[in-house]
């Protein structure tokens, strides 16, 4: 049950409250995935599927434990040590994502927003990683797998890694066009991950 509550708080803080707050503050909808069938629009759909799959799997674990066996658990990975490491990752993820989003301030978006101009953020966590929000989300997915290791949380982690890496490359092209030499200089100084 506590994992389900954590996941709800996570989604509430880093997606819902953050989106509403930014919309009220700037008038800009931070959810910028398009509805087309190009790579960007498709990736937005994949993110949505991953999010609902996470809620569904954790919901089964929390409320229908007798169904958990159908998720093909990796029983040999179910132990207190890995579970504690997983919880550490989940908490670390929330902290990293929240700080990174706060440092992006009005520039934070979910997806690529070509309509509204933003600033290139290079300070704080962005001086260590070019993608601390995505890094935090990947840490959360690994943490989820360690807390409830099964075929579906492994699938979520795998899909997330592929989808995030695709999104990063799409965003890098956009940022290169948008910020030119400033972005190229930033890329030379700061790595994609850490």
C-alpha atoms as a PDB file:
ATOM      1  CA  UNK A   1       0.000   0.000   0.000  1.00  0.00           C
ATOM      2  CA  UNK A   2       2.818   2.430   0.855  1.00  0.00           C
ATOM      3  CA  UNK A   3       4.300   1.960  -2.641  1.00  0.00           C
ATOM      4  CA  UNK A   4       0.954   2.883  -4.222  1.00  0.00           C
ATOM      5  CA  UNK A   5       0.671   5.983  -1.997  1.00  0.00           C
ATOM      6  CA  UNK A   6       4.249   6.937  -2.862  1.00  0.00           C
ATOM      7  CA  UNK A   7       3.522   6.612  -6.597  1.00  0.00           C
ATOM      8  CA  UNK A   8       0.402   8.779  -6.284  1.00  0.00           C
ATOM      9  CA  UNK A   9       2.384  11.433  -4.378  1.00  0.00           C
ATOM     10  CA  UNK A  10       5.169  11.228  -6.984  1.00  0.00           C
ATOM     11  CA  UNK A  11       2.784  11.763  -9.914  1.00  0.00           C
ATOM     12  CA  UNK A  12       0.929  14.461  -8.004  1.00  0.00           C
ATOM     13  CA  UNK A  13       4.067  16.435  -7.132  1.00  0.00           C
ATOM     14  CA  UNK A  14       6.157  16.104 -10.271  1.00  0.00           C
ATOM     15  CA  UNK A  15       3.489  16.080 -12.948  1.00  0.00           C
ATOM     16  CA  UNK A  16       0.094  17.355 -11.802  1.00  0.00           C
ATOM     17  CA  UNK A  17       0.889  20.067  -9.222  1.00  0.00           C
ATOM     18  CA  UNK A  18       3.981  21.215 -11.154  1.00  0.00           C
ATOM     19  CA  UNK A  19       1.933  21.468 -14.395  1.00  0.00           C
ATOM     20  CA  UNK A  20      -0.958  23.332 -12.761  1.00  0.00           C
ATOM     21  CA  UNK A  21       1.413  25.690 -10.936  1.00  0.00           C
ATOM     22  CA  UNK A  22       3.289  26.544 -14.153  1.00  0.00           C
ATOM     23  CA  UNK A  23       0.036  27.015 -16.113  1.00  0.00           C
ATOM     24  CA  UNK A  24      -1.316  29.394 -13.451  1.00  0.00           C
ATOM     25  CA  UNK A  25       1.973  31.287 -13.213  1.00  0.00           C
ATOM     26  CA  UNK A  26       2.735  31.678 -16.927  1.00  0.00           C
ATOM     27  CA  UNK A  27      -0.460  30.814 -18.788  1.00  0.00           C
ATOM     28  CA  UNK A  28       1.543  28.182 -20.703  1.00  0.00           C
ATOM     29  CA  UNK A  29       0.498  24.535 -20.695  1.00  0.00           C
ATOM     30  CA  UNK A  30       3.746  22.658 -19.890  1.00  0.00           C
ATOM     31  CA  UNK A  31       2.452  19.437 -21.457  1.00  0.00           C
ATOM     32  CA  UNK A  32       3.905  19.941 -24.911  1.00  0.00           C
ATOM     33  CA  UNK A  33       3.694  16.535 -26.588  1.00  0.00           C
ATOM     34  CA  UNK A  34       1.969  16.919 -29.935  1.00  0.00           C
ATOM     35  CA  UNK A  35      -0.877  14.720 -31.140  1.00  0.00           C
ATOM     36  CA  UNK A  36       0.785  13.725 -34.411  1.00  0.00           C
ATOM     37  CA  UNK A  37       2.317  10.391 -35.332  1.00  0.00           C
ATOM     38  CA  UNK A  38       5.872  11.709 -35.575  1.00  0.00           C
ATOM     39  CA  UNK A  39       8.575  10.503 -33.146  1.00  0.00           C
ATOM     40  CA  UNK A  40       7.755  13.222 -30.591  1.00  0.00           C
ATOM     41  CA  UNK A  41       4.004  12.551 -30.568  1.00  0.00           C
ATOM     42  CA  UNK A  42       4.534   8.799 -30.498  1.00  0.00           C
ATOM     43  CA  UNK A  43       6.953   9.097 -27.576  1.00  0.00           C
ATOM     44  CA  UNK A  44       4.340  11.098 -25.649  1.00  0.00           C
ATOM     45  CA  UNK A  45       1.942   8.184 -26.079  1.00  0.00           C
ATOM     46  CA  UNK A  46       4.605   5.754 -24.851  1.00  0.00           C
ATOM     47  CA  UNK A  47       5.192   7.920 -21.724  1.00  0.00           C
ATOM     48  CA  UNK A  48       1.441   7.830 -21.037  1.00  0.00           C
ATOM     49  CA  UNK A  49       1.283   4.029 -21.405  1.00  0.00           C
ATOM     50  CA  UNK A  50       4.282   3.607 -19.085  1.00  0.00           C
ATOM     51  CA  UNK A  51       2.660   5.824 -16.431  1.00  0.00           C
ATOM     52  CA  UNK A  52      -0.649   3.951 -16.505  1.00  0.00           C
ATOM     53  CA  UNK A  53       1.171   0.607 -16.512  1.00  0.00           C
ATOM     54  CA  UNK A  54       3.104   1.663 -13.391  1.00  0.00           C
ATOM     55  CA  UNK A  55      -0.109   2.603 -11.586  1.00  0.00           C
ATOM     56  CA  UNK A  56      -1.777  -0.642 -12.665  1.00  0.00           C
ATOM     57  CA  UNK A  57       1.123  -2.887 -11.571  1.00  0.00           C
ATOM     58  CA  UNK A  58       1.574  -1.116  -8.236  1.00  0.00           C
ATOM     59  CA  UNK A  59      -2.221  -1.190  -7.767  1.00  0.00           C
ATOM     60  CA  UNK A  60      -2.198  -4.990  -8.173  1.00  0.00           C
ATOM     61  CA  UNK A  61       0.666  -5.216  -5.673  1.00  0.00           C
ATOM     62  CA  UNK A  62      -1.194  -2.996  -3.200  1.00  0.00           C
ATOM     63  CA  UNK A  63      -4.781  -4.186  -3.549  1.00  0.00           C
ATOM     64  CA  UNK A  64      -4.825  -7.580  -5.272  1.00  0.00           C
ATOM     65  CA  UNK A  65      -1.732  -9.363  -3.992  1.00  0.00           C
ATOM     66  CA  UNK A  66      -3.272 -12.716  -4.986  1.00  0.00           C
ATOM     67  CA  UNK A  67      -2.898 -11.577  -8.641  1.00  0.00           C
ATOM     68  CA  UNK A  68       0.762 -10.666  -8.154  1.00  0.00           C
ATOM     69  CA  UNK A  69       1.920 -14.129  -9.267  1.00  0.00           C
ATOM     70  CA  UNK A  70       0.586 -13.306 -12.764  1.00  0.00           C
ATOM     71  CA  UNK A  71       3.114 -10.467 -12.999  1.00  0.00           C
ATOM     72  CA  UNK A  72       5.847 -13.133 -13.081  1.00  0.00           C
ATOM     73  CA  UNK A  73       7.784 -12.088  -9.973  1.00  0.00           C
ATOM     74  CA  UNK A  74      11.511 -12.659  -9.803  1.00  0.00           C
ATOM     75  CA  UNK A  75      11.325 -14.313  -6.376  1.00  0.00           C
ATOM     76  CA  UNK A  76      15.133 -14.671  -6.206  1.00  0.00           C
ATOM     77  CA  UNK A  77      15.429 -10.849  -6.155  1.00  0.00           C
ATOM     78  CA  UNK A  78      12.823 -10.359  -3.440  1.00  0.00           C
ATOM     79  CA  UNK A  79      14.784  -9.509  -0.302  1.00  0.00           C
ATOM     80  CA  UNK A  80      14.928  -6.711   2.271  1.00  0.00           C
ATOM     81  CA  UNK A  81      18.298  -5.356   1.135  1.00  0.00           C
ATOM     82  CA  UNK A  82      17.252  -4.822  -2.502  1.00  0.00           C
ATOM     83  CA  UNK A  83      13.894  -3.473  -1.363  1.00  0.00           C
ATOM     84  CA  UNK A  84      15.618  -0.895   0.866  1.00  0.00           C
ATOM     85  CA  UNK A  85      17.958   0.094  -1.978  1.00  0.00           C
ATOM     86  CA  UNK A  86      14.894   0.425  -4.223  1.00  0.00           C
ATOM     87  CA  UNK A  87      13.147   2.686  -1.701  1.00  0.00           C
ATOM     88  CA  UNK A  88      16.331   4.762  -1.473  1.00  0.00           C
ATOM     89  CA  UNK A  89      16.250   5.168  -5.259  1.00  0.00           C
ATOM     90  CA  UNK A  90      12.557   6.124  -5.191  1.00  0.00           C
ATOM     91  CA  UNK A  91      13.141   8.822  -2.574  1.00  0.00           C
ATOM     92  CA  UNK A  92      16.298  10.069  -4.315  1.00  0.00           C
ATOM     93  CA  UNK A  93      14.363  10.274  -7.579  1.00  0.00           C
ATOM     94  CA  UNK A  94      11.639  12.454  -6.096  1.00  0.00           C
ATOM     95  CA  UNK A  95      14.242  14.830  -4.638  1.00  0.00           C
ATOM     96  CA  UNK A  96      16.280  15.032  -7.869  1.00  0.00           C
ATOM     97  CA  UNK A  97      13.242  15.547 -10.109  1.00  0.00           C
ATOM     98  CA  UNK A  98      11.667  18.162  -7.823  1.00  0.00           C
ATOM     99  CA  UNK A  99      14.921  20.158  -7.520  1.00  0.00           C
ATOM    100  CA  UNK A 100      15.607  19.961 -11.274  1.00  0.00           C
ATOM    101  CA  UNK A 101      12.078  21.079 -12.114  1.00  0.00           C
ATOM    102  CA  UNK A 102      12.392  23.950  -9.621  1.00  0.00           C
ATOM    103  CA  UNK A 103      15.676  25.014 -11.210  1.00  0.00           C
ATOM    104  CA  UNK A 104      14.076  24.956 -14.662  1.00  0.00           C
ATOM    105  CA  UNK A 105      11.318  27.213 -13.275  1.00  0.00           C
ATOM    106  CA  UNK A 106       9.233  28.599 -16.169  1.00  0.00           C
ATOM    107  CA  UNK A 107      11.252  26.622 -18.741  1.00  0.00           C
ATOM    108  CA  UNK A 108      10.065  23.211 -17.498  1.00  0.00           C
ATOM    109  CA  UNK A 109       8.022  21.254 -20.037  1.00  0.00           C
ATOM    110  CA  UNK A 110       6.833  17.720 -20.659  1.00  0.00           C
ATOM    111  CA  UNK A 111       7.854  17.336 -24.276  1.00  0.00           C
ATOM    112  CA  UNK A 112       9.136  19.888 -26.786  1.00  0.00           C
ATOM    113  CA  UNK A 113       7.362  23.252 -26.769  1.00  0.00           C
ATOM    114  CA  UNK A 114       8.110  24.964 -30.076  1.00  0.00           C
ATOM    115  CA  UNK A 115       5.462  27.666 -29.566  1.00  0.00           C
ATOM    116  CA  UNK A 116       6.654  29.265 -26.331  1.00  0.00           C
ATOM    117  CA  UNK A 117      10.197  30.515 -25.854  1.00  0.00           C
ATOM    118  CA  UNK A 118      12.117  29.234 -22.836  1.00  0.00           C
ATOM    119  CA  UNK A 119      15.555  29.848 -21.377  1.00  0.00           C
ATOM    120  CA  UNK A 120      18.474  27.437 -21.551  1.00  0.00           C
ATOM    121  CA  UNK A 121      19.042  26.253 -17.973  1.00  0.00           C
ATOM    122  CA  UNK A 122      22.671  25.373 -17.193  1.00  0.00           C
ATOM    123  CA  UNK A 123      22.948  26.037 -13.440  1.00  0.00           C
ATOM    124  CA  UNK A 124      22.341  23.838 -10.383  1.00  0.00           C
ATOM    125  CA  UNK A 125      21.788  20.160 -11.228  1.00  0.00           C
ATOM    126  CA  UNK A 126      22.025  21.119 -14.907  1.00  0.00           C
ATOM    127  CA  UNK A 127      25.717  21.906 -14.391  1.00  0.00           C
ATOM    128  CA  UNK A 128      26.225  18.215 -13.496  1.00  0.00           C
ATOM    129  CA  UNK A 129      23.779  16.558 -15.901  1.00  0.00           C
ATOM    130  CA  UNK A 130      22.060  17.873 -19.022  1.00  0.00           C
ATOM    131  CA  UNK A 131      19.025  15.734 -18.159  1.00  0.00           C
ATOM    132  CA  UNK A 132      18.534  15.553 -14.376  1.00  0.00           C
ATOM    133  CA  UNK A 133      14.732  15.202 -14.649  1.00  0.00           C
ATOM    134  CA  UNK A 134      15.057  12.206 -16.959  1.00  0.00           C
ATOM    135  CA  UNK A 135      17.873  10.830 -14.817  1.00  0.00           C
ATOM    136  CA  UNK A 136      15.583  11.072 -11.785  1.00  0.00           C
ATOM    137  CA  UNK A 137      12.761   9.289 -13.605  1.00  0.00           C
ATOM    138  CA  UNK A 138      15.097   6.455 -14.617  1.00  0.00           C
ATOM    139  CA  UNK A 139      16.292   6.166 -11.009  1.00  0.00           C
ATOM    140  CA  UNK A 140      12.625   5.864  -9.944  1.00  0.00           C
ATOM    141  CA  UNK A 141      11.941   3.083 -12.435  1.00  0.00           C
ATOM    142  CA  UNK A 142      14.992   1.128 -11.296  1.00  0.00           C
ATOM    143  CA  UNK A 143      13.866   1.669  -7.692  1.00  0.00           C
ATOM    144  CA  UNK A 144      10.395   0.381  -8.539  1.00  0.00           C
ATOM    145  CA  UNK A 145      11.926  -2.751 -10.073  1.00  0.00           C
ATOM    146  CA  UNK A 146      14.049  -3.361  -6.956  1.00  0.00           C
ATOM    147  CA  UNK A 147      11.049  -2.969  -4.617  1.00  0.00           C
ATOM    148  CA  UNK A 148       8.774  -5.246  -6.670  1.00  0.00           C
ATOM    149  CA  UNK A 149      10.976  -7.213  -9.085  1.00  0.00           C
ATOM    150  CA  UNK A 150       8.817  -8.818 -11.735  1.00  0.00           C
ATOM    151  CA  UNK A 151       8.565  -9.103 -15.504  1.00  0.00           C
ATOM    152  CA  UNK A 152       6.308  -6.061 -15.773  1.00  0.00           C
ATOM    153  CA  UNK A 153       8.433  -3.689 -13.696  1.00  0.00           C
ATOM    154  CA  UNK A 154      11.396  -4.861 -15.800  1.00  0.00           C
ATOM    155  CA  UNK A 155       9.331  -4.073 -18.909  1.00  0.00           C
ATOM    156  CA  UNK A 156       8.484  -0.611 -17.501  1.00  0.00           C
ATOM    157  CA  UNK A 157      12.160   0.074 -16.797  1.00  0.00           C
ATOM    158  CA  UNK A 158      13.204  -1.130 -20.261  1.00  0.00           C
ATOM    159  CA  UNK A 159      10.519   0.865 -22.098  1.00  0.00           C
ATOM    160  CA  UNK A 160      11.334   3.911 -20.013  1.00  0.00           C
ATOM    161  CA  UNK A 161      15.053   3.727 -20.826  1.00  0.00           C
ATOM    162  CA  UNK A 162      14.333   3.455 -24.567  1.00  0.00           C
ATOM    163  CA  UNK A 163      11.670   6.171 -24.525  1.00  0.00           C
ATOM    164  CA  UNK A 164      13.711   8.605 -22.428  1.00  0.00           C
ATOM    165  CA  UNK A 165      16.794   8.133 -24.614  1.00  0.00           C
ATOM    166  CA  UNK A 166      14.659   8.776 -27.709  1.00  0.00           C
ATOM    167  CA  UNK A 167      13.149  11.904 -26.137  1.00  0.00           C
ATOM    168  CA  UNK A 168      16.550  13.224 -25.107  1.00  0.00           C
ATOM    169  CA  UNK A 169      17.828  12.968 -28.673  1.00  0.00           C
ATOM    170  CA  UNK A 170      14.737  14.758 -30.006  1.00  0.00           C
ATOM    171  CA  UNK A 171      15.192  17.499 -27.405  1.00  0.00           C
ATOM    172  CA  UNK A 172      18.902  17.831 -28.157  1.00  0.00           C
ATOM    173  CA  UNK A 173      18.139  18.559 -31.826  1.00  0.00           C
ATOM    174  CA  UNK A 174      15.527  21.117 -30.820  1.00  0.00           C
ATOM    175  CA  UNK A 175      17.812  22.796 -28.260  1.00  0.00           C
ATOM    176  CA  UNK A 176      20.608  22.940 -30.838  1.00  0.00           C
ATOM    177  CA  UNK A 177      18.300  24.776 -33.260  1.00  0.00           C
ATOM    178  CA  UNK A 178      16.831  26.999 -30.558  1.00  0.00           C
ATOM    179  CA  UNK A 179      19.969  28.047 -28.679  1.00  0.00           C
ATOM    180  CA  UNK A 180      22.727  27.503 -31.252  1.00  0.00           C
ATOM    181  CA  UNK A 181      26.274  28.057 -29.989  1.00  0.00           C
ATOM    182  CA  UNK A 182      25.166  28.501 -26.365  1.00  0.00           C
ATOM    183  CA  UNK A 183      23.798  24.968 -26.401  1.00  0.00           C
ATOM    184  CA  UNK A 184      26.820  23.559 -28.239  1.00  0.00           C
ATOM    185  CA  UNK A 185      29.130  25.084 -25.618  1.00  0.00           C
ATOM    186  CA  UNK A 186      26.938  23.631 -22.858  1.00  0.00           C
ATOM    187  CA  UNK A 187      27.123  20.165 -24.476  1.00  0.00           C
ATOM    188  CA  UNK A 188      30.938  20.385 -24.458  1.00  0.00           C
ATOM    189  CA  UNK A 189      30.985  21.121 -20.711  1.00  0.00           C
ATOM    190  CA  UNK A 190      28.214  18.901 -19.316  1.00  0.00           C
ATOM    191  CA  UNK A 191      27.527  15.250 -20.082  1.00  0.00           C
ATOM    192  CA  UNK A 192      24.163  13.885 -21.125  1.00  0.00           C
ATOM    193  CA  UNK A 193      23.749  11.921 -17.862  1.00  0.00           C
ATOM    194  CA  UNK A 194      26.458  12.655 -15.269  1.00  0.00           C
END
